[in-house]
Amino acid sequence: MGNAPRPPARFRLQQQGNHVFGRVSFFYYVIHLYVIHGIAVYIGLWQGFSVGDMSVLFLYNPPAFGISLGGVYVVWVVTILVLYPACA
């Protein structure tokens, strides 16, 4: 590209090992979906729902299924703590 300006370092892609987008590996993007889904199933079972109750399209979840926003933050932090060693 000749003399085209380069973006600042914080916007450049990091290439370390496998596929990396930004500074987080592609592995995290794939595995966090499974971890969060597993946590959601565990929470549903803890709330007294069966797997059959939760095996529906997301628009038709049971009325009392789910957690508060504070609970979502807890799940978010737990997911990051569980996956950080694998992605560091």
C-alpha atoms as a PDB file:
ATOM      1  CA  MET A   1       0.000   0.000   0.000  1.00  0.00           C
ATOM      2  CA  GLY A   2       2.934   2.269  -0.260  1.00  0.00           C
ATOM      3  CA  ASN A   3       2.792   5.248   2.071  1.00  0.00           C
ATOM      4  CA  ALA A   4      -0.688   4.623   3.525  1.00  0.00           C
ATOM      5  CA  PRO A   5      -0.956   5.713   7.166  1.00  0.00           C
ATOM      6  CA  ARG A   6      -0.963   2.923   9.725  1.00  0.00           C
ATOM      7  CA  PRO A   7      -3.582   2.794  12.472  1.00  0.00           C
ATOM      8  CA  PRO A   8      -2.437   3.364  16.061  1.00  0.00           C
ATOM      9  CA  ALA A   9      -1.038   0.296  17.818  1.00  0.00           C
ATOM     10  CA  ARG A  10      -4.142  -0.159  19.993  1.00  0.00           C
ATOM     11  CA  PHE A  11      -6.249  -0.762  16.857  1.00  0.00           C
ATOM     12  CA  ARG A  12      -3.911  -3.257  15.180  1.00  0.00           C
ATOM     13  CA  LEU A  13      -4.595  -6.983  15.315  1.00  0.00           C
ATOM     14  CA  GLN A  14      -2.335  -9.058  17.503  1.00  0.00           C
ATOM     15  CA  GLN A  15      -1.021 -12.259  15.917  1.00  0.00           C
ATOM     16  CA  GLN A  16       0.134 -14.673  18.616  1.00  0.00           C
ATOM     17  CA  GLY A  17      -0.377 -18.338  17.882  1.00  0.00           C
ATOM     18  CA  ASN A  18      -3.809 -19.258  16.580  1.00  0.00           C
ATOM     19  CA  HIS A  19      -6.442 -16.881  15.256  1.00  0.00           C
ATOM     20  CA  VAL A  20      -6.601 -13.689  17.256  1.00  0.00           C
ATOM     21  CA  PHE A  21      -9.075 -10.870  16.787  1.00  0.00           C
ATOM     22  CA  GLY A  22      -7.976  -7.802  18.672  1.00  0.00           C
ATOM     23  CA  ARG A  23      -6.425  -9.006  21.901  1.00  0.00           C
ATOM     24  CA  VAL A  24      -8.727 -11.927  22.754  1.00  0.00           C
ATOM     25  CA  SER A  25      -8.279 -15.318  21.164  1.00  0.00           C
ATOM     26  CA  PHE A  26     -10.955 -16.896  18.983  1.00  0.00           C
ATOM     27  CA  PHE A  27     -11.026 -19.761  21.485  1.00  0.00           C
ATOM     28  CA  TYR A  28     -12.698 -17.494  24.048  1.00  0.00           C
ATOM     29  CA  TYR A  29     -15.433 -16.465  21.620  1.00  0.00           C
ATOM     30  CA  VAL A  30     -16.297 -20.082  20.925  1.00  0.00           C
ATOM     31  CA  ILE A  31     -15.982 -21.588  24.397  1.00  0.00           C
ATOM     32  CA  HIS A  32     -17.762 -18.815  26.342  1.00  0.00           C
ATOM     33  CA  LEU A  33     -21.026 -19.681  24.591  1.00  0.00           C
ATOM     34  CA  TYR A  34     -20.865 -23.224  25.943  1.00  0.00           C
ATOM     35  CA  VAL A  35     -19.867 -22.079  29.431  1.00  0.00           C
ATOM     36  CA  ILE A  36     -22.692 -19.526  29.652  1.00  0.00           C
ATOM     37  CA  HIS A  37     -25.197 -22.048  28.289  1.00  0.00           C
ATOM     38  CA  GLY A  38     -24.078 -24.579  30.895  1.00  0.00           C
ATOM     39  CA  ILE A  39     -24.468 -21.993  33.654  1.00  0.00           C
ATOM     40  CA  ALA A  40     -27.945 -21.094  32.355  1.00  0.00           C
ATOM     41  CA  VAL A  41     -29.027 -24.749  32.384  1.00  0.00           C
ATOM     42  CA  TYR A  42     -27.642 -25.169  35.904  1.00  0.00           C
ATOM     43  CA  ILE A  43     -29.542 -22.063  37.091  1.00  0.00           C
ATOM     44  CA  GLY A  44     -32.737 -23.337  35.455  1.00  0.00           C
ATOM     45  CA  LEU A  45     -32.390 -26.702  37.163  1.00  0.00           C
ATOM     46  CA  TRP A  46     -31.658 -24.939  40.466  1.00  0.00           C
ATOM     47  CA  GLN A  47     -34.875 -22.916  40.010  1.00  0.00           C
ATOM     48  CA  GLY A  48     -36.841 -26.160  39.679  1.00  0.00           C
ATOM     49  CA  PHE A  49     -37.328 -26.361  35.919  1.00  0.00           C
ATOM     50  CA  SER A  50     -36.749 -29.556  33.978  1.00  0.00           C
ATOM     51  CA  VAL A  51     -34.574 -29.737  30.890  1.00  0.00           C
ATOM     52  CA  GLY A  52     -37.776 -30.159  28.857  1.00  0.00           C
ATOM     53  CA  ASP A  53     -39.102 -26.868  30.233  1.00  0.00           C
ATOM     54  CA  MET A  54     -35.953 -25.112  29.045  1.00  0.00           C
ATOM     55  CA  SER A  55     -35.742 -26.859  25.653  1.00  0.00           C
ATOM     56  CA  VAL A  56     -37.920 -24.330  23.871  1.00  0.00           C
ATOM     57  CA  LEU A  57     -37.337 -21.357  21.614  1.00  0.00           C
ATOM     58  CA  PHE A  58     -36.032 -18.405  23.636  1.00  0.00           C
ATOM     59  CA  LEU A  59     -39.287 -16.526  23.045  1.00  0.00           C
ATOM     60  CA  TYR A  60     -41.220 -19.170  25.004  1.00  0.00           C
ATOM     61  CA  ASN A  61     -39.147 -19.549  28.184  1.00  0.00           C
ATOM     62  CA  PRO A  62     -41.077 -20.362  31.367  1.00  0.00           C
ATOM     63  CA  PRO A  63     -42.467 -17.188  33.008  1.00  0.00           C
ATOM     64  CA  ALA A  64     -40.271 -17.281  36.129  1.00  0.00           C
ATOM     65  CA  PHE A  65     -37.109 -18.416  34.332  1.00  0.00           C
ATOM     66  CA  GLY A  66     -34.057 -16.214  34.661  1.00  0.00           C
ATOM     67  CA  ILE A  67     -32.083 -14.142  37.117  1.00  0.00           C
ATOM     68  CA  SER A  68     -31.769 -10.494  38.058  1.00  0.00           C
ATOM     69  CA  LEU A  69     -29.289  -8.072  36.511  1.00  0.00           C
ATOM     70  CA  GLY A  70     -27.016  -8.554  39.520  1.00  0.00           C
ATOM     71  CA  GLY A  71     -27.095 -12.295  38.850  1.00  0.00           C
ATOM     72  CA  VAL A  72     -26.165 -11.663  35.218  1.00  0.00           C
ATOM     73  CA  TYR A  73     -23.119  -9.703  36.400  1.00  0.00           C
ATOM     74  CA  VAL A  74     -22.142 -12.597  38.670  1.00  0.00           C
ATOM     75  CA  VAL A  75     -22.409 -15.041  35.749  1.00  0.00           C
ATOM     76  CA  TRP A  76     -20.348 -12.658  33.613  1.00  0.00           C
ATOM     77  CA  VAL A  77     -17.556 -12.439  36.223  1.00  0.00           C
ATOM     78  CA  VAL A  78     -17.581 -16.210  36.825  1.00  0.00           C
ATOM     79  CA  THR A  79     -17.319 -16.852  33.073  1.00  0.00           C
ATOM     80  CA  ILE A  80     -14.338 -14.532  32.761  1.00  0.00           C
ATOM     81  CA  LEU A  81     -12.616 -16.060  35.807  1.00  0.00           C
ATOM     82  CA  VAL A  82     -13.170 -19.601  34.540  1.00  0.00           C
ATOM     83  CA  LEU A  83     -11.916 -18.879  31.022  1.00  0.00           C
ATOM     84  CA  TYR A  84      -9.068 -16.469  31.824  1.00  0.00           C
ATOM     85  CA  PRO A  85      -6.449 -19.156  32.550  1.00  0.00           C
ATOM     86  CA  ALA A  86      -7.245 -20.924  29.278  1.00  0.00           C
ATOM     87  CA  CYS A  87      -6.998 -17.698  27.260  1.00  0.00           C
ATOM     88  CA  ALA A  88      -4.036 -15.994  28.952  1.00  0.00           C
END
